[in-house]
Amino acid sequence: MSGSNNKKIGIVDYGVGNLYSLRKALREFIDDVVIVENTEEINRLDALVLPGVGSFEAGMEGIKARGLEGEIKKFAEKGKPILGICLGAQLLLSKGYEFGEFRGLDIISGKVVKFPGLKMGIKIPHIGWNKITLSNSTKPEGDILNSIGKDPYVYFVHSYILEPIDKKAILTTTIYGGYQFCSTVQKGNVYGFQFHPEKSGQVGLRIIKNFVNLVKAL
């Protein structure tokens, strides 16, 4: 475990997801990792992590119920780092279309939609290990994907996919059932991973370490 460098990272508790395995992974690289669920706590943080497993609607309702929607947006506007994982990544976009149409945080312009028609026999949700490939058209700002090797395998559990309007925001893509989708999205210091770094072995830990290093460098 490294020294905290006086930086504090908060994992947002909005009622979905396993926060504690993620906190354990972060604490491999920084001491001061806290679970937060109110606006006062967010104002004292240097970076935010939005975890989550579940529906888009439930995620946004959890955020709104705790009065966190505006604070998370302000956090992004200040240029502070945010890391969204799985549902947390989806909530960063403008709208989600899971069981209806729901407004997201709109930090990254785009929408979250169900996988389109896949090859016969391919099951949804997409569960398991799959590789991520760096987008040819995009160079990451910062080193969030530094030292992870070429086309590494990471762990996915999802039925819906990220569709950012600005294709330059796509850092990595993944192919499932013959369909290529966005698996990592970025806008400034805001990153969204459709996969679970905390469940992705050494590659995932390296990505988490890279995020912590970005926070420490600010």
Protein backbone atom coordinates (compact mmCIF):
# COMPACT_ATOMS: atom_id res chain seq x y z
CA MET A 1 0.00 0.00 0.00
CA SER A 2 1.39 3.38 -0.95
CA GLY A 3 1.23 6.63 0.95
CA SER A 4 -1.89 8.67 0.41
CA ASN A 5 -0.04 11.77 -0.87
CA ASN A 6 -2.79 13.71 1.00
CA LYS A 7 -5.36 12.71 -1.62
CA LYS A 8 -8.76 11.21 -0.84
CA ILE A 9 -10.90 9.08 -3.14
CA GLY A 10 -14.60 8.51 -2.46
CA ILE A 11 -16.72 5.60 -3.66
CA VAL A 12 -20.28 6.82 -4.08
CA ASP A 13 -22.84 4.66 -2.28
CA TYR A 14 -26.14 5.09 -4.07
CA GLY A 15 -27.63 1.76 -3.15
CA VAL A 16 -26.25 -0.53 -5.87
CA GLY A 17 -23.14 -2.64 -6.26
CA ASN A 18 -20.45 -4.17 -4.11
CA LEU A 19 -18.50 -1.21 -2.76
CA TYR A 20 -16.12 -3.10 -0.54
CA SER A 21 -14.27 -5.20 -3.10
CA LEU A 22 -13.69 -1.99 -5.04
CA ARG A 23 -12.46 -0.18 -1.92
CA LYS A 24 -10.07 -3.05 -1.22
CA ALA A 25 -8.64 -2.79 -4.75
CA LEU A 26 -8.18 0.98 -4.46
CA ARG A 27 -6.48 0.63 -1.09
CA GLU A 28 -3.72 -1.38 -2.76
CA PHE A 29 -2.49 1.98 -4.07
CA ILE A 30 -3.84 4.74 -1.80
CA ASP A 31 -4.73 4.76 1.88
CA ASP A 32 -7.54 7.29 2.03
CA VAL A 33 -10.52 5.63 0.34
CA VAL A 34 -13.95 6.30 1.83
CA ILE A 35 -17.56 5.37 1.14
CA VAL A 36 -19.64 8.51 0.61
CA GLU A 37 -23.39 9.08 0.36
CA ASN A 38 -23.95 12.78 0.99
CA THR A 39 -22.98 16.10 -0.54
CA GLU A 40 -20.89 17.28 2.40
CA GLU A 41 -18.54 14.33 2.04
CA ILE A 42 -18.17 14.76 -1.72
CA ASN A 43 -16.91 18.34 -1.31
CA ARG A 44 -13.88 17.07 0.61
CA LEU A 45 -12.77 14.57 -2.04
CA ASP A 46 -10.12 14.67 -4.74
CA ALA A 47 -11.70 11.95 -6.91
CA LEU A 48 -14.95 10.03 -7.19
CA VAL A 49 -15.71 6.44 -8.17
CA LEU A 50 -19.21 5.48 -9.32
CA PRO A 51 -19.63 1.70 -9.00
CA GLY A 52 -22.83 -0.14 -9.69
CA VAL A 53 -24.66 -3.20 -10.87
CA GLY A 54 -28.33 -2.95 -11.74
CA SER A 55 -30.73 -0.92 -13.83
CA PHE A 56 -30.15 2.59 -15.15
CA GLU A 57 -33.38 3.82 -13.57
CA ALA A 58 -32.52 2.42 -10.12
CA GLY A 59 -29.04 3.92 -10.29
CA MET A 60 -30.27 7.42 -11.09
CA GLU A 61 -33.03 7.18 -8.49
CA GLY A 62 -30.43 6.25 -5.87
CA ILE A 63 -28.29 9.23 -6.81
CA LYS A 64 -31.23 11.64 -6.79
CA ALA A 65 -32.60 10.32 -3.50
CA ARG A 66 -29.30 11.21 -1.82
CA GLY A 67 -29.17 14.66 -3.43
CA LEU A 68 -25.96 13.77 -5.26
CA GLU A 69 -26.82 14.47 -8.90
CA GLY A 70 -25.86 18.15 -8.92
CA GLU A 71 -22.78 17.57 -6.76
CA ILE A 72 -21.41 14.88 -9.06
CA LYS A 73 -21.89 17.18 -12.06
CA LYS A 74 -20.14 20.06 -10.26
CA PHE A 75 -17.31 17.69 -9.38
CA ALA A 76 -16.81 16.92 -13.07
CA GLU A 77 -17.07 20.58 -14.07
CA LYS A 78 -14.20 21.37 -11.70
CA GLY A 79 -12.02 18.93 -13.63
CA LYS A 80 -11.74 16.49 -10.75
CA PRO A 81 -11.32 12.82 -11.73
CA ILE A 82 -14.35 10.55 -11.87
CA LEU A 83 -14.22 6.83 -12.60
CA GLY A 84 -17.47 5.08 -13.56
CA ILE A 85 -17.62 1.28 -13.56
CA CYS A 86 -20.30 -0.78 -15.36
CA LEU A 87 -23.62 0.88 -14.39
CA GLY A 88 -21.58 3.77 -12.99
CA ALA A 89 -20.09 4.32 -16.46
CA GLN A 90 -23.53 4.21 -18.07
CA LEU A 91 -24.91 6.83 -15.68
CA LEU A 92 -22.27 9.30 -16.92
CA LEU A 93 -24.11 9.53 -20.24
CA SER A 94 -27.15 11.65 -21.12
CA LYS A 95 -29.89 9.02 -21.32
CA GLY A 96 -30.52 5.36 -20.72
CA TYR A 97 -33.10 3.18 -22.46
CA GLU A 98 -33.45 0.26 -20.06
CA PHE A 99 -37.16 -0.42 -19.42
CA GLY A 100 -38.04 3.07 -20.69
CA GLU A 101 -36.20 6.35 -21.24
CA PHE A 102 -34.37 7.88 -18.28
CA ARG A 103 -32.13 10.91 -17.89
CA GLY A 104 -28.54 10.28 -16.83
CA LEU A 105 -25.91 12.59 -15.37
CA ASP A 106 -25.16 13.96 -18.86
CA ILE A 107 -21.47 14.47 -18.12
CA ILE A 108 -20.65 12.69 -21.39
CA SER A 109 -23.11 13.25 -24.25
CA GLY A 110 -24.60 10.01 -25.46
CA LYS A 111 -27.00 7.21 -24.67
CA VAL A 112 -27.08 3.73 -23.17
CA VAL A 113 -28.90 1.13 -25.29
CA LYS A 114 -29.43 -2.61 -25.32
CA PHE A 115 -27.14 -4.76 -27.42
CA PRO A 116 -28.53 -4.84 -30.96
CA GLY A 117 -29.32 -8.12 -32.69
CA LEU A 118 -26.46 -10.54 -32.21
CA LYS A 119 -25.51 -13.76 -33.96
CA MET A 120 -27.78 -16.70 -33.23
CA GLY A 121 -26.90 -18.47 -30.01
CA ILE A 122 -25.10 -15.50 -28.43
CA LYS A 123 -26.53 -14.84 -25.00
CA ILE A 124 -27.36 -11.59 -23.24
CA PRO A 125 -26.15 -10.50 -20.73
CA HIS A 126 -22.55 -10.48 -21.87
CA ILE A 127 -20.82 -12.19 -18.96
CA GLY A 128 -17.17 -13.20 -18.72
CA TRP A 129 -13.74 -12.35 -20.04
CA ASN A 130 -13.29 -10.46 -23.28
CA LYS A 131 -10.59 -8.28 -24.73
CA ILE A 132 -10.45 -4.52 -25.03
CA THR A 133 -8.76 -2.91 -28.02
CA LEU A 134 -7.47 0.65 -28.05
CA SER A 135 -9.40 2.78 -30.51
CA ASN A 136 -7.33 3.72 -33.56
CA SER A 137 -8.83 7.21 -33.65
CA THR A 138 -8.22 8.15 -30.06
CA LYS A 139 -5.19 8.81 -27.93
CA PRO A 140 -6.05 8.72 -24.20
CA GLU A 141 -5.60 11.92 -22.24
CA GLY A 142 -3.33 10.82 -19.39
CA ASP A 143 -2.18 7.29 -18.72
CA ILE A 144 -5.33 5.48 -17.61
CA LEU A 145 -4.52 2.56 -19.96
CA ASN A 146 -0.76 2.66 -19.48
CA SER A 147 1.13 -0.66 -19.22
CA ILE A 148 -1.84 -2.99 -19.69
CA GLY A 149 -0.44 -4.71 -22.78
CA LYS A 150 -2.02 -5.16 -26.21
CA ASP A 151 -5.68 -6.22 -26.31
CA PRO A 152 -5.85 -7.46 -22.69
CA TYR A 153 -8.78 -9.48 -21.37
CA VAL A 154 -11.07 -7.95 -18.72
CA TYR A 155 -14.29 -9.03 -17.02
CA PHE A 156 -17.75 -7.96 -18.21
CA VAL A 157 -21.30 -8.32 -16.85
CA HIS A 158 -23.81 -6.22 -18.82
CA SER A 159 -26.75 -6.18 -21.23
CA TYR A 160 -26.58 -2.51 -22.26
CA ILE A 161 -23.81 -0.60 -24.01
CA LEU A 162 -22.36 2.91 -24.12
CA GLU A 163 -22.96 5.01 -27.23
CA PRO A 164 -21.21 8.39 -26.85
CA ILE A 165 -22.08 10.99 -29.48
CA ASP A 166 -18.44 12.03 -29.89
CA LYS A 167 -16.67 8.96 -31.22
CA LYS A 168 -13.36 10.49 -30.17
CA ALA A 169 -14.49 9.85 -26.61
CA ILE A 170 -14.19 6.10 -27.22
CA LEU A 171 -10.89 4.82 -25.77
CA THR A 172 -11.42 1.09 -26.26
CA THR A 173 -13.80 -1.19 -28.10
CA THR A 174 -14.79 -4.81 -27.58
CA ILE A 175 -16.46 -7.35 -29.86
CA TYR A 176 -19.22 -9.63 -28.61
CA GLY A 177 -21.46 -11.72 -30.82
CA GLY A 178 -19.95 -10.09 -33.88
CA TYR A 179 -20.87 -6.58 -32.65
CA GLN A 180 -18.24 -3.98 -31.76
CA PHE A 181 -19.15 -1.73 -28.85
CA CYS A 182 -17.53 0.98 -26.74
CA SER A 183 -15.93 -0.54 -23.63
CA THR A 184 -14.10 2.57 -22.35
CA VAL A 185 -15.20 6.18 -22.68
CA GLN A 186 -13.43 9.39 -21.61
CA LYS A 187 -14.09 13.09 -21.40
CA GLY A 188 -11.26 15.01 -19.76
CA ASN A 189 -10.72 13.55 -16.31
CA VAL A 190 -13.94 11.52 -16.45
CA TYR A 191 -13.55 7.85 -17.36
CA GLY A 192 -16.18 5.15 -17.85
CA PHE A 193 -15.39 1.44 -18.00
CA GLN A 194 -18.14 -0.93 -19.13
CA PHE A 195 -16.10 -3.76 -17.60
CA HIS A 196 -15.12 -4.32 -13.97
CA PRO A 197 -11.45 -3.46 -13.30
CA GLU A 198 -11.77 -4.75 -9.73
CA LYS A 199 -12.67 -8.20 -11.13
CA SER A 200 -10.14 -8.18 -13.98
CA GLY A 201 -7.03 -9.56 -12.31
CA GLN A 202 -3.66 -7.88 -12.77
CA VAL A 203 -4.83 -5.87 -15.79
CA GLY A 204 -7.68 -4.40 -13.77
CA LEU A 205 -5.42 -3.60 -10.84
CA ARG A 206 -3.04 -1.82 -13.21
CA ILE A 207 -5.91 0.32 -14.52
CA ILE A 208 -6.94 1.16 -10.94
CA LYS A 209 -3.33 2.02 -10.12
CA ASN A 210 -3.18 4.28 -13.19
CA PHE A 211 -6.32 6.10 -12.03
CA VAL A 212 -4.88 6.58 -8.54
CA ASN A 213 -1.65 7.91 -10.07
CA LEU A 214 -3.65 10.43 -12.12
CA VAL A 215 -5.38 11.59 -8.92
CA LYS A 216 -2.09 11.94 -7.07
CA ALA A 217 -0.58 13.97 -9.92
CA LEU A 218 -3.25 16.67 -9.74
